[in-house]
Amino acid sequence: MTAPRLGGYVLLAVAGVLVGTAGALVQGAWFPGGLLLALLAVVGLCYGGVKVMGARMGGGVPAGAWTVAVLLLTSSRPEGDFLFGAGLGSYAFLLGGMFLGVMCATLPLVPQPPGPPVRLGK
């Protein structure tokens, strides 16, 4: 693995943590639009990582970092504060984000067929 490729994966992991943290705040603040925005951010990051890196690991790294960040945010603090309330939106964010991240990371990479870009039958 080359240094630029490793740097790309590190940037994707940092972006996964940031998207998870921002999504945790947004999904509860602007329900249901915030939930959709947070889930779209997860999909965009993971699918974009696959396309940019050209490998499935490009989607798995941000999905894994997102999952770790969000699961760490589910724990309560010693003062009794917590970030996620018990409700449908929080569970949809947690489970939906994990599902969508795995889905984007496991999409098959279909290469373009070789040959000139012409219409068939001509």
PDB file of N, CA and C in Angstrom:
ATOM      1  N   MET A   1       0.855  -1.168   0.000  1.00  0.00           N
ATOM      2  CA  MET A   1       0.000   0.000   0.000  1.00  0.00           C
ATOM      3  C   MET A   1       0.904   1.236   0.000  1.00  0.00           C
ATOM      4  N   THR A   2       0.621   2.135  -0.908  1.00  0.00           N
ATOM      5  CA  THR A   2       1.439   3.342  -1.030  1.00  0.00           C
ATOM      6  C   THR A   2       1.028   4.382   0.007  1.00  0.00           C
ATOM      7  N   ALA A   3       1.900   5.336   0.221  1.00  0.00           N
ATOM      8  CA  ALA A   3       1.636   6.389   1.208  1.00  0.00           C
ATOM      9  C   ALA A   3       0.425   7.250   0.831  1.00  0.00           C
ATOM     10  N   PRO A   4       0.252   7.654  -0.434  1.00  0.00           N
ATOM     11  CA  PRO A   4      -0.948   8.438  -0.758  1.00  0.00           C
ATOM     12  C   PRO A   4      -2.243   7.653  -0.546  1.00  0.00           C
ATOM     13  N   ARG A   5      -2.203   6.361  -0.841  1.00  0.00           N
ATOM     14  CA  ARG A   5      -3.396   5.534  -0.644  1.00  0.00           C
ATOM     15  C   ARG A   5      -3.717   5.403   0.850  1.00  0.00           C
ATOM     16  N   LEU A   6      -2.685   5.198   1.657  1.00  0.00           N
ATOM     17  CA  LEU A   6      -2.875   5.115   3.103  1.00  0.00           C
ATOM     18  C   LEU A   6      -3.400   6.440   3.648  1.00  0.00           C
ATOM     19  N   GLY A   7      -2.870   7.544   3.136  1.00  0.00           N
ATOM     20  CA  GLY A   7      -3.368   8.860   3.541  1.00  0.00           C
ATOM     21  C   GLY A   7      -4.824   9.061   3.165  1.00  0.00           C
ATOM     22  N   GLY A   8      -5.219   8.532   2.017  1.00  0.00           N
ATOM     23  CA  GLY A   8      -6.620   8.612   1.607  1.00  0.00           C
ATOM     24  C   GLY A   8      -7.530   7.855   2.559  1.00  0.00           C
ATOM     25  N   TYR A   9      -7.082   6.682   2.997  1.00  0.00           N
ATOM     26  CA  TYR A   9      -7.883   5.908   3.945  1.00  0.00           C
ATOM     27  C   TYR A   9      -7.968   6.600   5.303  1.00  0.00           C
ATOM     28  N   VAL A  10      -6.888   7.231   5.724  1.00  0.00           N
ATOM     29  CA  VAL A  10      -6.915   7.978   6.990  1.00  0.00           C
ATOM     30  C   VAL A  10      -7.899   9.142   6.888  1.00  0.00           C
ATOM     31  N   LEU A  11      -7.874   9.852   5.759  1.00  0.00           N
ATOM     32  CA  LEU A  11      -8.828  10.953   5.564  1.00  0.00           C
ATOM     33  C   LEU A  11     -10.266  10.451   5.537  1.00  0.00           C
ATOM     34  N   LEU A  12     -10.496   9.300   4.926  1.00  0.00           N
ATOM     35  CA  LEU A  12     -11.842   8.729   4.919  1.00  0.00           C
ATOM     36  C   LEU A  12     -12.286   8.337   6.326  1.00  0.00           C
ATOM     37  N   ALA A  13     -11.358   7.822   7.141  1.00  0.00           N
ATOM     38  CA  ALA A  13     -11.700   7.465   8.518  1.00  0.00           C
ATOM     39  C   ALA A  13     -12.045   8.708   9.336  1.00  0.00           C
ATOM     40  N   VAL A  14     -11.264   9.767   9.176  1.00  0.00           N
ATOM     41  CA  VAL A  14     -11.557  11.022   9.886  1.00  0.00           C
ATOM     42  C   VAL A  14     -12.900  11.584   9.423  1.00  0.00           C
ATOM     43  N   ALA A  15     -13.163  11.515   8.123  1.00  0.00           N
ATOM     44  CA  ALA A  15     -14.448  11.988   7.605  1.00  0.00           C
ATOM     45  C   ALA A  15     -15.593  11.141   8.147  1.00  0.00           C
ATOM     46  N   GLY A  16     -15.378   9.842   8.315  1.00  0.00           N
ATOM     47  CA  GLY A  16     -16.406   8.982   8.896  1.00  0.00           C
ATOM     48  C   GLY A  16     -16.746   9.372  10.325  1.00  0.00           C
ATOM     49  N   VAL A  17     -15.722   9.696  11.110  1.00  0.00           N
ATOM     50  CA  VAL A  17     -15.959  10.143  12.491  1.00  0.00           C
ATOM     51  C   VAL A  17     -16.714  11.469  12.496  1.00  0.00           C
ATOM     52  N   LEU A  18     -16.316  12.391  11.625  1.00  0.00           N
ATOM     53  CA  LEU A  18     -16.980  13.700  11.573  1.00  0.00           C
ATOM     54  C   LEU A  18     -18.429  13.585  11.105  1.00  0.00           C
ATOM     55  N   VAL A  19     -18.678  12.753  10.105  1.00  0.00           N
ATOM     56  CA  VAL A  19     -20.048  12.566   9.613  1.00  0.00           C
ATOM     57  C   VAL A  19     -20.907  11.899  10.685  1.00  0.00           C
ATOM     58  N   GLY A  20     -20.343  10.950  11.410  1.00  0.00           N
ATOM     59  CA  GLY A  20     -21.091  10.305  12.487  1.00  0.00           C
ATOM     60  C   GLY A  20     -21.437  11.266  13.609  1.00  0.00           C
ATOM     61  N   THR A  21     -20.487  12.100  13.987  1.00  0.00           N
ATOM     62  CA  THR A  21     -20.733  13.074  15.054  1.00  0.00           C
ATOM     63  C   THR A  21     -21.742  14.127  14.617  1.00  0.00           C
ATOM     64  N   ALA A  22     -21.570  14.653  13.419  1.00  0.00           N
ATOM     65  CA  ALA A  22     -22.513  15.657  12.921  1.00  0.00           C
ATOM     66  C   ALA A  22     -23.897  15.054  12.728  1.00  0.00           C
ATOM     67  N   GLY A  23     -23.958  13.840  12.222  1.00  0.00           N
ATOM     68  CA  GLY A  23     -25.246  13.185  12.028  1.00  0.00           C
ATOM     69  C   GLY A  23     -25.964  12.921  13.336  1.00  0.00           C
ATOM     70  N   ALA A  24     -25.209  12.591  14.383  1.00  0.00           N
ATOM     71  CA  ALA A  24     -25.821  12.365  15.690  1.00  0.00           C
ATOM     72  C   ALA A  24     -26.486  13.631  16.219  1.00  0.00           C
ATOM     73  N   LEU A  25     -25.895  14.767  15.921  1.00  0.00           N
ATOM     74  CA  LEU A  25     -26.475  16.033  16.373  1.00  0.00           C
ATOM     75  C   LEU A  25     -27.643  16.470  15.495  1.00  0.00           C
ATOM     76  N   VAL A  26     -27.507  16.283  14.194  1.00  0.00           N
ATOM     77  CA  VAL A  26     -28.517  16.778  13.250  1.00  0.00           C
ATOM     78  C   VAL A  26     -29.775  15.923  13.268  1.00  0.00           C
ATOM     79  N   GLN A  27     -29.631  14.607  13.403  1.00  0.00           N
ATOM     80  CA  GLN A  27     -30.798  13.740  13.296  1.00  0.00           C
ATOM     81  C   GLN A  27     -31.811  13.990  14.407  1.00  0.00           C
ATOM     82  N   GLY A  28     -31.348  14.386  15.561  1.00  0.00           N
ATOM     83  CA  GLY A  28     -32.275  14.666  16.645  1.00  0.00           C
ATOM     84  C   GLY A  28     -32.818  16.083  16.620  1.00  0.00           C
ATOM     85  N   ALA A  29     -32.074  16.988  16.020  1.00  0.00           N
ATOM     86  CA  ALA A  29     -32.473  18.397  16.027  1.00  0.00           C
ATOM     87  C   ALA A  29     -33.565  18.693  15.013  1.00  0.00           C
ATOM     88  N   TRP A  30     -33.465  18.124  13.835  1.00  0.00           N
ATOM     89  CA  TRP A  30     -34.420  18.425  12.760  1.00  0.00           C
ATOM     90  C   TRP A  30     -35.082  17.156  12.263  1.00  0.00           C
ATOM     91  N   PHE A  31     -35.873  16.533  13.088  1.00  0.00           N
ATOM     92  CA  PHE A  31     -36.549  15.306  12.670  1.00  0.00           C
ATOM     93  C   PHE A  31     -37.734  15.648  11.786  1.00  0.00           C
ATOM     94  N   PRO A  32     -38.002  14.978  10.703  1.00  0.00           N
ATOM     95  CA  PRO A  32     -37.332  13.861  10.063  1.00  0.00           C
ATOM     96  C   PRO A  32     -36.300  14.285   9.024  1.00  0.00           C
ATOM     97  N   GLY A  33     -36.246  15.574   8.686  1.00  0.00           N
ATOM     98  CA  GLY A  33     -35.297  16.029   7.671  1.00  0.00           C
ATOM     99  C   GLY A  33     -33.854  15.822   8.081  1.00  0.00           C
ATOM    100  N   GLY A  34     -33.546  16.021   9.350  1.00  0.00           N
ATOM    101  CA  GLY A  34     -32.184  15.818   9.828  1.00  0.00           C
ATOM    102  C   GLY A  34     -31.760  14.364   9.750  1.00  0.00           C
ATOM    103  N   LEU A  35     -32.706  13.468  10.003  1.00  0.00           N
ATOM    104  CA  LEU A  35     -32.415  12.043   9.892  1.00  0.00           C
ATOM    105  C   LEU A  35     -32.072  11.677   8.453  1.00  0.00           C
ATOM    106  N   LEU A  36     -32.867  12.161   7.516  1.00  0.00           N
ATOM    107  CA  LEU A  36     -32.593  11.882   6.102  1.00  0.00           C
ATOM    108  C   LEU A  36     -31.265  12.493   5.671  1.00  0.00           C
ATOM    109  N   LEU A  37     -30.985  13.699   6.124  1.00  0.00           N
ATOM    110  CA  LEU A  37     -29.718  14.352   5.795  1.00  0.00           C
ATOM    111  C   LEU A  37     -28.531  13.568   6.353  1.00  0.00           C
ATOM    112  N   ALA A  38     -28.647  13.101   7.584  1.00  0.00           N
ATOM    113  CA  ALA A  38     -27.559  12.340   8.203  1.00  0.00           C
ATOM    114  C   ALA A  38     -27.331  11.014   7.482  1.00  0.00           C
ATOM    115  N   LEU A  39     -28.410  10.336   7.100  1.00  0.00           N
ATOM    116  CA  LEU A  39     -28.263   9.065   6.391  1.00  0.00           C
ATOM    117  C   LEU A  39     -27.720   9.269   4.980  1.00  0.00           C
ATOM    118  N   LEU A  40     -28.133  10.346   4.327  1.00  0.00           N
ATOM    119  CA  LEU A  40     -27.581  10.652   3.003  1.00  0.00           C
ATOM    120  C   LEU A  40     -26.086  10.969   3.083  1.00  0.00           C
ATOM    121  N   ALA A  41     -25.672  11.595   4.169  1.00  0.00           N
ATOM    122  CA  ALA A  41     -24.247  11.885   4.346  1.00  0.00           C
ATOM    123  C   ALA A  41     -23.442  10.597   4.484  1.00  0.00           C
ATOM    124  N   VAL A  42     -23.987   9.619   5.195  1.00  0.00           N
ATOM    125  CA  VAL A  42     -23.299   8.330   5.336  1.00  0.00           C
ATOM    126  C   VAL A  42     -23.178   7.647   3.978  1.00  0.00           C
ATOM    127  N   VAL A  43     -24.279   7.633   3.231  1.00  0.00           N
ATOM    128  CA  VAL A  43     -24.263   7.001   1.906  1.00  0.00           C
ATOM    129  C   VAL A  43     -23.283   7.716   0.985  1.00  0.00           C
ATOM    130  N   GLY A  44     -23.323   9.035   0.981  1.00  0.00           N
ATOM    131  CA  GLY A  44     -22.421   9.796   0.116  1.00  0.00           C
ATOM    132  C   GLY A  44     -20.962   9.561   0.447  1.00  0.00           C
ATOM    133  N   LEU A  45     -20.646   9.518   1.727  1.00  0.00           N
ATOM    134  CA  LEU A  45     -19.258   9.299   2.132  1.00  0.00           C
ATOM    135  C   LEU A  45     -18.787   7.896   1.765  1.00  0.00           C
ATOM    136  N   CYS A  46     -19.585   6.893   2.072  1.00  0.00           N
ATOM    137  CA  CYS A  46     -19.156   5.514   1.815  1.00  0.00           C
ATOM    138  C   CYS A  46     -19.105   5.205   0.324  1.00  0.00           C
ATOM    139  N   TYR A  47     -20.118   5.617  -0.417  1.00  0.00           N
ATOM    140  CA  TYR A  47     -20.116   5.353  -1.858  1.00  0.00           C
ATOM    141  C   TYR A  47     -19.036   6.185  -2.554  1.00  0.00           C
ATOM    142  N   GLY A  48     -18.861   7.409  -2.109  1.00  0.00           N
ATOM    143  CA  GLY A  48     -17.791   8.237  -2.656  1.00  0.00           C
ATOM    144  C   GLY A  48     -16.422   7.657  -2.365  1.00  0.00           C
ATOM    145  N   GLY A  49     -16.249   7.075  -1.181  1.00  0.00           N
ATOM    146  CA  GLY A  49     -14.986   6.431  -0.848  1.00  0.00           C
ATOM    147  C   GLY A  49     -14.693   5.244  -1.742  1.00  0.00           C
ATOM    148  N   VAL A  50     -15.733   4.475  -2.070  1.00  0.00           N
ATOM    149  CA  VAL A  50     -15.557   3.342  -2.985  1.00  0.00           C
ATOM    150  C   VAL A  50     -15.130   3.836  -4.359  1.00  0.00           C
ATOM    151  N   LYS A  51     -15.784   4.876  -4.853  1.00  0.00           N
ATOM    152  CA  LYS A  51     -15.484   5.382  -6.191  1.00  0.00           C
ATOM    153  C   LYS A  51     -14.104   6.048  -6.250  1.00  0.00           C
ATOM    154  N   VAL A  52     -13.767   6.824  -5.233  1.00  0.00           N
ATOM    155  CA  VAL A  52     -12.485   7.537  -5.248  1.00  0.00           C
ATOM    156  C   VAL A  52     -11.311   6.569  -5.095  1.00  0.00           C
ATOM    157  N   MET A  53     -11.429   5.625  -4.175  1.00  0.00           N
ATOM    158  CA  MET A  53     -10.314   4.714  -3.920  1.00  0.00           C
ATOM    159  C   MET A  53     -10.287   3.548  -4.902  1.00  0.00           C
ATOM    160  N   GLY A  54     -11.407   3.285  -5.563  1.00  0.00           N
ATOM    161  CA  GLY A  54     -11.445   2.190  -6.528  1.00  0.00           C
ATOM    162  C   GLY A  54     -11.436   0.818  -5.894  1.00  0.00           C
ATOM    163  N   ALA A  55     -11.805   0.730  -4.625  1.00  0.00           N
ATOM    164  CA  ALA A  55     -11.829  -0.544  -3.912  1.00  0.00           C
ATOM    165  C   ALA A  55     -12.941  -0.497  -2.875  1.00  0.00           C
ATOM    166  N   ARG A  56     -13.411  -1.665  -2.495  1.00  0.00           N
ATOM    167  CA  ARG A  56     -14.480  -1.725  -1.493  1.00  0.00           C
ATOM    168  C   ARG A  56     -14.021  -1.223  -0.132  1.00  0.00           C
ATOM    169  N   MET A  57     -12.736  -1.332   0.116  1.00  0.00           N
ATOM    170  CA  MET A  57     -12.205  -0.842   1.390  1.00  0.00           C
ATOM    171  C   MET A  57     -12.398   0.668   1.522  1.00  0.00           C
ATOM    172  N   GLY A  58     -12.523   1.353   0.404  1.00  0.00           N
ATOM    173  CA  GLY A  58     -12.794   2.786   0.430  1.00  0.00           C
ATOM    174  C   GLY A  58     -14.145   3.112   1.031  1.00  0.00           C
ATOM    175  N   GLY A  59     -15.065   2.175   1.018  1.00  0.00           N
ATOM    176  CA  GLY A  59     -16.351   2.357   1.680  1.00  0.00           C
ATOM    177  C   GLY A  59     -16.380   1.745   3.064  1.00  0.00           C
ATOM    178  N   GLY A  60     -15.581   0.708   3.267  1.00  0.00           N
ATOM    179  CA  GLY A  60     -15.558   0.041   4.564  1.00  0.00           C
ATOM    180  C   GLY A  60     -14.866   0.843   5.650  1.00  0.00           C
ATOM    181  N   VAL A  61     -13.833   1.566   5.289  1.00  0.00           N
ATOM    182  CA  VAL A  61     -13.093   2.362   6.280  1.00  0.00           C
ATOM    183  C   VAL A  61     -13.963   3.473   6.865  1.00  0.00           C
ATOM    184  N   PRO A  62     -14.626   4.314   6.048  1.00  0.00           N
ATOM    185  CA  PRO A  62     -15.471   5.336   6.666  1.00  0.00           C
ATOM    186  C   PRO A  62     -16.690   4.747   7.369  1.00  0.00           C
ATOM    187  N   ALA A  63     -17.217   3.626   6.865  1.00  0.00           N
ATOM    188  CA  ALA A  63     -18.354   2.994   7.538  1.00  0.00           C
ATOM    189  C   ALA A  63     -17.943   2.479   8.913  1.00  0.00           C
ATOM    190  N   GLY A  64     -16.765   1.879   9.004  1.00  0.00           N
ATOM    191  CA  GLY A  64     -16.278   1.403  10.297  1.00  0.00           C
ATOM    192  C   GLY A  64     -15.995   2.536  11.265  1.00  0.00           C
ATOM    193  N   ALA A  65     -15.379   3.602  10.769  1.00  0.00           N
ATOM    194  CA  ALA A  65     -15.105   4.760  11.631  1.00  0.00           C
ATOM    195  C   ALA A  65     -16.400   5.419  12.075  1.00  0.00           C
ATOM    196  N   TRP A  66     -17.380   5.493  11.181  1.00  0.00           N
ATOM    197  CA  TRP A  66     -18.696   6.051  11.521  1.00  0.00           C
ATOM    198  C   TRP A  66     -19.344   5.219  12.624  1.00  0.00           C
ATOM    199  N   THR A  67     -19.287   3.892  12.474  1.00  0.00           N
ATOM    200  CA  THR A  67     -19.907   3.008  13.457  1.00  0.00           C
ATOM    201  C   THR A  67     -19.249   3.150  14.821  1.00  0.00           C
ATOM    202  N   VAL A  68     -17.931   3.177  14.859  1.00  0.00           N
ATOM    203  CA  VAL A  68     -17.224   3.321  16.141  1.00  0.00           C
ATOM    204  C   VAL A  68     -17.571   4.656  16.793  1.00  0.00           C
ATOM    205  N   ALA A  69     -17.578   5.729  16.009  1.00  0.00           N
ATOM    206  CA  ALA A  69     -17.879   7.052  16.565  1.00  0.00           C
ATOM    207  C   ALA A  69     -19.300   7.111  17.110  1.00  0.00           C
ATOM    208  N   VAL A  70     -20.247   6.577  16.365  1.00  0.00           N
ATOM    209  CA  VAL A  70     -21.646   6.646  16.792  1.00  0.00           C
ATOM    210  C   VAL A  70     -21.885   5.757  18.009  1.00  0.00           C
ATOM    211  N   LEU A  71     -21.267   4.585  18.038  1.00  0.00           N
ATOM    212  CA  LEU A  71     -21.441   3.719  19.205  1.00  0.00           C
ATOM    213  C   LEU A  71     -20.802   4.322  20.451  1.00  0.00           C
ATOM    214  N   LEU A  72     -19.688   5.025  20.294  1.00  0.00           N
ATOM    215  CA  LEU A  72     -19.099   5.711  21.449  1.00  0.00           C
ATOM    216  C   LEU A  72     -19.987   6.860  21.925  1.00  0.00           C
ATOM    217  N   LEU A  73     -20.708   7.482  21.004  1.00  0.00           N
ATOM    218  CA  LEU A  73     -21.603   8.574  21.388  1.00  0.00           C
ATOM    219  C   LEU A  73     -22.881   8.088  22.061  1.00  0.00           C
ATOM    220  N   THR A  74     -23.193   6.797  21.968  1.00  0.00           N
ATOM    221  CA  THR A  74     -24.413   6.288  22.603  1.00  0.00           C
ATOM    222  C   THR A  74     -24.258   6.123  24.109  1.00  0.00           C
ATOM    223  N   SER A  75     -23.031   6.068  24.601  1.00  0.00           N
ATOM    224  CA  SER A  75     -22.842   5.894  26.041  1.00  0.00           C
ATOM    225  C   SER A  75     -23.137   7.200  26.774  1.00  0.00           C
ATOM    226  N   SER A  76     -23.619   7.060  27.995  1.00  0.00           N
ATOM    227  CA  SER A  76     -23.937   8.256  28.782  1.00  0.00           C
ATOM    228  C   SER A  76     -22.695   8.726  29.532  1.00  0.00           C
ATOM    229  N   ARG A  77     -22.691  10.001  29.823  1.00  0.00           N
ATOM    230  CA  ARG A  77     -21.579  10.595  30.560  1.00  0.00           C
ATOM    231  C   ARG A  77     -21.804  10.420  32.060  1.00  0.00           C
ATOM    232  N   PRO A  78     -20.773  10.634  32.891  1.00  0.00           N
ATOM    233  CA  PRO A  78     -20.948  10.490  34.342  1.00  0.00           C
ATOM    234  C   PRO A  78     -21.999  11.435  34.923  1.00  0.00           C
ATOM    235  N   GLU A  79     -22.209  12.573  34.261  1.00  0.00           N
ATOM    236  CA  GLU A  79     -23.212  13.523  34.747  1.00  0.00           C
ATOM    237  C   GLU A  79     -24.633  13.068  34.442  1.00  0.00           C
ATOM    238  N   GLY A  80     -24.772  12.022  33.641  1.00  0.00           N
ATOM    239  CA  GLY A  80     -26.092  11.530  33.276  1.00  0.00           C
ATOM    240  C   GLY A  80     -26.564  12.024  31.922  1.00  0.00           C
ATOM    241  N   ASP A  81     -25.762  12.832  31.256  1.00  0.00           N
ATOM    242  CA  ASP A  81     -26.138  13.338  29.935  1.00  0.00           C
ATOM    243  C   ASP A  81     -25.902  12.262  28.878  1.00  0.00           C
ATOM    244  N   PHE A  82     -26.717  12.305  27.847  1.00  0.00           N
ATOM    245  CA  PHE A  82     -26.502  11.423  26.709  1.00  0.00           C
ATOM    246  C   PHE A  82     -26.938  12.141  25.448  1.00  0.00           C
ATOM    247  N   LEU A  83     -26.420  11.685  24.321  1.00  0.00           N
ATOM    248  CA  LEU A  83     -26.645  12.366  23.058  1.00  0.00           C
ATOM    249  C   LEU A  83     -27.866  11.841  22.324  1.00  0.00           C
ATOM    250  N   PHE A  84     -28.136  10.556  22.441  1.00  0.00           N
ATOM    251  CA  PHE A  84     -29.262   9.949  21.738  1.00  0.00           C
ATOM    252  C   PHE A  84     -30.418   9.733  22.698  1.00  0.00           C
ATOM    253  N   GLY A  85     -31.581  10.226  22.326  1.00  0.00           N
ATOM    254  CA  GLY A  85     -32.779   9.958  23.095  1.00  0.00           C
ATOM    255  C   GLY A  85     -33.385   8.639  22.654  1.00  0.00           C
ATOM    256  N   ALA A  86     -34.207   8.065  23.508  1.00  0.00           N
ATOM    257  CA  ALA A  86     -34.882   6.822  23.146  1.00  0.00           C
ATOM    258  C   ALA A  86     -36.061   7.171  22.253  1.00  0.00           C
ATOM    259  N   GLY A  87     -35.938   6.856  21.006  1.00  0.00           N
ATOM    260  CA  GLY A  87     -37.005   7.145  20.058  1.00  0.00           C
ATOM    261  C   GLY A  87     -36.733   6.487  18.729  1.00  0.00           C
ATOM    262  N   LEU A  88     -37.708   6.560  17.868  1.00  0.00           N
ATOM    263  CA  LEU A  88     -37.609   5.929  16.557  1.00  0.00           C
ATOM    264  C   LEU A  88     -36.489   6.541  15.717  1.00  0.00           C
ATOM    265  N   GLY A  89     -36.321   7.857  15.786  1.00  0.00           N
ATOM    266  CA  GLY A  89     -35.297   8.521  14.987  1.00  0.00           C
ATOM    267  C   GLY A  89     -33.890   8.074  15.337  1.00  0.00           C
ATOM    268  N   SER A  90     -33.602   7.920  16.610  1.00  0.00           N
ATOM    269  CA  SER A  90     -32.262   7.487  17.037  1.00  0.00           C
ATOM    270  C   SER A  90     -31.957   6.072  16.569  1.00  0.00           C
ATOM    271  N   TYR A  91     -32.940   5.194  16.716  1.00  0.00           N
ATOM    272  CA  TYR A  91     -32.725   3.815  16.281  1.00  0.00           C
ATOM    273  C   TYR A  91     -32.626   3.724  14.764  1.00  0.00           C
ATOM    274  N   ALA A  92     -33.410   4.513  14.060  1.00  0.00           N
ATOM    275  CA  ALA A  92     -33.325   4.529  12.594  1.00  0.00           C
ATOM    276  C   ALA A  92     -31.961   5.043  12.151  1.00  0.00           C
ATOM    277  N   PHE A  93     -31.429   6.026  12.861  1.00  0.00           N
ATOM    278  CA  PHE A  93     -30.104   6.551  12.525  1.00  0.00           C
ATOM    279  C   PHE A  93     -29.024   5.506  12.779  1.00  0.00           C
ATOM    280  N   LEU A  94     -29.053   4.871  13.935  1.00  0.00           N
ATOM    281  CA  LEU A  94     -28.028   3.885  14.275  1.00  0.00           C
ATOM    282  C   LEU A  94     -28.068   2.677  13.340  1.00  0.00           C
ATOM    283  N   LEU A  95     -29.236   2.053  13.239  1.00  0.00           N
ATOM    284  CA  LEU A  95     -29.337   0.841  12.428  1.00  0.00           C
ATOM    285  C   LEU A  95     -29.305   1.144  10.937  1.00  0.00           C
ATOM    286  N   GLY A  96     -29.979   2.220  10.532  1.00  0.00           N
ATOM    287  CA  GLY A  96     -29.983   2.592   9.118  1.00  0.00           C
ATOM    288  C   GLY A  96     -28.606   2.992   8.633  1.00  0.00           C
ATOM    289  N   GLY A  97     -27.867   3.729   9.443  1.00  0.00           N
ATOM    290  CA  GLY A  97     -26.519   4.124   9.058  1.00  0.00           C
ATOM    291  C   GLY A  97     -25.586   2.937   8.917  1.00  0.00           C
ATOM    292  N   MET A  98     -25.693   1.983   9.841  1.00  0.00           N
ATOM    293  CA  MET A  98     -24.865   0.781   9.731  1.00  0.00           C
ATOM    294  C   MET A  98     -25.238  -0.023   8.490  1.00  0.00           C
ATOM    295  N   PHE A  99     -26.529  -0.181   8.265  1.00  0.00           N
ATOM    296  CA  PHE A  99     -26.998  -0.929   7.093  1.00  0.00           C
ATOM    297  C   PHE A  99     -26.541  -0.270   5.798  1.00  0.00           C
ATOM    298  N   LEU A 100     -26.712   1.034   5.699  1.00  0.00           N
ATOM    299  CA  LEU A 100     -26.337   1.741   4.474  1.00  0.00           C
ATOM    300  C   LEU A 100     -24.826   1.755   4.265  1.00  0.00           C
ATOM    301  N   GLY A 101     -24.062   1.876   5.339  1.00  0.00           N
ATOM    302  CA  GLY A 101     -22.608   1.841   5.217  1.00  0.00           C
ATOM    303  C   GLY A 101     -22.108   0.495   4.715  1.00  0.00           C
ATOM    304  N   VAL A 102     -22.670  -0.582   5.251  1.00  0.00           N
ATOM    305  CA  VAL A 102     -22.286  -1.919   4.791  1.00  0.00           C
ATOM    306  C   VAL A 102     -22.732  -2.133   3.353  1.00  0.00           C
ATOM    307  N   MET A 103     -23.918  -1.649   3.026  1.00  0.00           N
ATOM    308  CA  MET A 103     -24.424  -1.811   1.662  1.00  0.00           C
ATOM    309  C   MET A 103     -23.515  -1.105   0.653  1.00  0.00           C
ATOM    310  N   CYS A 104     -23.108   0.118   0.961  1.00  0.00           N
ATOM    311  CA  CYS A 104     -22.231   0.852   0.044  1.00  0.00           C
ATOM    312  C   CYS A 104     -20.851   0.210  -0.051  1.00  0.00           C
ATOM    313  N   ALA A 105     -20.367  -0.335   1.056  1.00  0.00           N
ATOM    314  CA  ALA A 105     -19.034  -0.937   1.052  1.00  0.00           C
ATOM    315  C   ALA A 105     -19.000  -2.269   0.319  1.00  0.00           C
ATOM    316  N   THR A 106     -20.132  -2.933   0.183  1.00  0.00           N
ATOM    317  CA  THR A 106     -20.146  -4.242  -0.466  1.00  0.00           C
ATOM    318  C   THR A 106     -20.731  -4.210  -1.870  1.00  0.00           C
ATOM    319  N   LEU A 107     -21.035  -3.040  -2.399  1.00  0.00           N
ATOM    320  CA  LEU A 107     -21.509  -2.969  -3.778  1.00  0.00           C
ATOM    321  C   LEU A 107     -20.428  -3.476  -4.721  1.00  0.00           C
ATOM    322  N   PRO A 108     -20.812  -4.243  -5.727  1.00  0.00           N
ATOM    323  CA  PRO A 108     -19.789  -4.729  -6.658  1.00  0.00           C
ATOM    324  C   PRO A 108     -19.262  -3.607  -7.540  1.00  0.00           C
ATOM    325  N   LEU A 109     -17.983  -3.673  -7.811  1.00  0.00           N
ATOM    326  CA  LEU A 109     -17.360  -2.724  -8.728  1.00  0.00           C
ATOM    327  C   LEU A 109     -17.440  -3.320 -10.128  1.00  0.00           C
ATOM    328  N   VAL A 110     -18.258  -2.738 -10.977  1.00  0.00           N
ATOM    329  CA  VAL A 110     -18.449  -3.254 -12.324  1.00  0.00           C
ATOM    330  C   VAL A 110     -17.607  -2.420 -13.284  1.00  0.00           C
ATOM    331  N   PRO A 111     -16.580  -3.031 -13.881  1.00  0.00           N
ATOM    332  CA  PRO A 111     -15.763  -2.262 -14.827  1.00  0.00           C
ATOM    333  C   PRO A 111     -16.497  -2.072 -16.150  1.00  0.00           C
ATOM    334  N   GLN A 112     -16.141  -1.021 -16.852  1.00  0.00           N
ATOM    335  CA  GLN A 112     -16.703  -0.774 -18.172  1.00  0.00           C
ATOM    336  C   GLN A 112     -16.146  -1.796 -19.154  1.00  0.00           C
ATOM    337  N   PRO A 113     -16.971  -2.268 -20.084  1.00  0.00           N
ATOM    338  CA  PRO A 113     -16.464  -3.240 -21.051  1.00  0.00           C
ATOM    339  C   PRO A 113     -15.446  -2.589 -21.979  1.00  0.00           C
ATOM    340  N   PRO A 114     -14.459  -3.369 -22.407  1.00  0.00           N
ATOM    341  CA  PRO A 114     -13.458  -2.802 -23.314  1.00  0.00           C
ATOM    342  C   PRO A 114     -14.058  -2.546 -24.693  1.00  0.00           C
ATOM    343  N   GLY A 115     -13.494  -1.614 -25.379  1.00  0.00           N
ATOM    344  CA  GLY A 115     -13.951  -1.315 -26.728  1.00  0.00           C
ATOM    345  C   GLY A 115     -14.407   0.112 -26.851  1.00  0.00           C
ATOM    346  N   PRO A 116     -14.697   0.525 -28.082  1.00  0.00           N
ATOM    347  CA  PRO A 116     -15.129   1.910 -28.297  1.00  0.00           C
ATOM    348  C   PRO A 116     -16.550   2.139 -27.785  1.00  0.00           C
ATOM    349  N   PRO A 117     -16.842   3.345 -27.335  1.00  0.00           N
ATOM    350  CA  PRO A 117     -18.187   3.644 -26.827  1.00  0.00           C
ATOM    351  C   PRO A 117     -19.165   3.903 -27.981  1.00  0.00           C
ATOM    352  N   VAL A 118     -19.717   2.844 -28.544  1.00  0.00           N
ATOM    353  CA  VAL A 118     -20.673   2.972 -29.648  1.00  0.00           C
ATOM    354  C   VAL A 118     -21.963   2.269 -29.277  1.00  0.00           C
ATOM    355  N   ARG A 119     -23.012   2.604 -29.980  1.00  0.00           N
ATOM    356  CA  ARG A 119     -24.289   1.934 -29.772  1.00  0.00           C
ATOM    357  C   ARG A 119     -24.249   0.553 -30.408  1.00  0.00           C
ATOM    358  N   LEU A 120     -24.902  -0.379 -29.765  1.00  0.00           N
ATOM    359  CA  LEU A 120     -24.951  -1.735 -30.298  1.00  0.00           C
ATOM    360  C   LEU A 120     -25.865  -1.775 -31.517  1.00  0.00           C
ATOM    361  N   GLY A 121     -25.557  -2.608 -32.463  1.00  0.00           N
ATOM    362  CA  GLY A 121     -26.397  -2.781 -33.640  1.00  0.00           C
ATOM    363  C   GLY A 121     -26.077  -1.830 -34.772  1.00  0.00           C
ATOM    364  N   LYS A 122     -25.060  -1.053 -34.669  1.00  0.00           N
ATOM    365  CA  LYS A 122     -24.706  -0.129 -35.760  1.00  0.00           C
ATOM    366  C   LYS A 122     -23.405  -0.528 -36.382  1.00  0.00           C
TER     367      LYS A 122
END
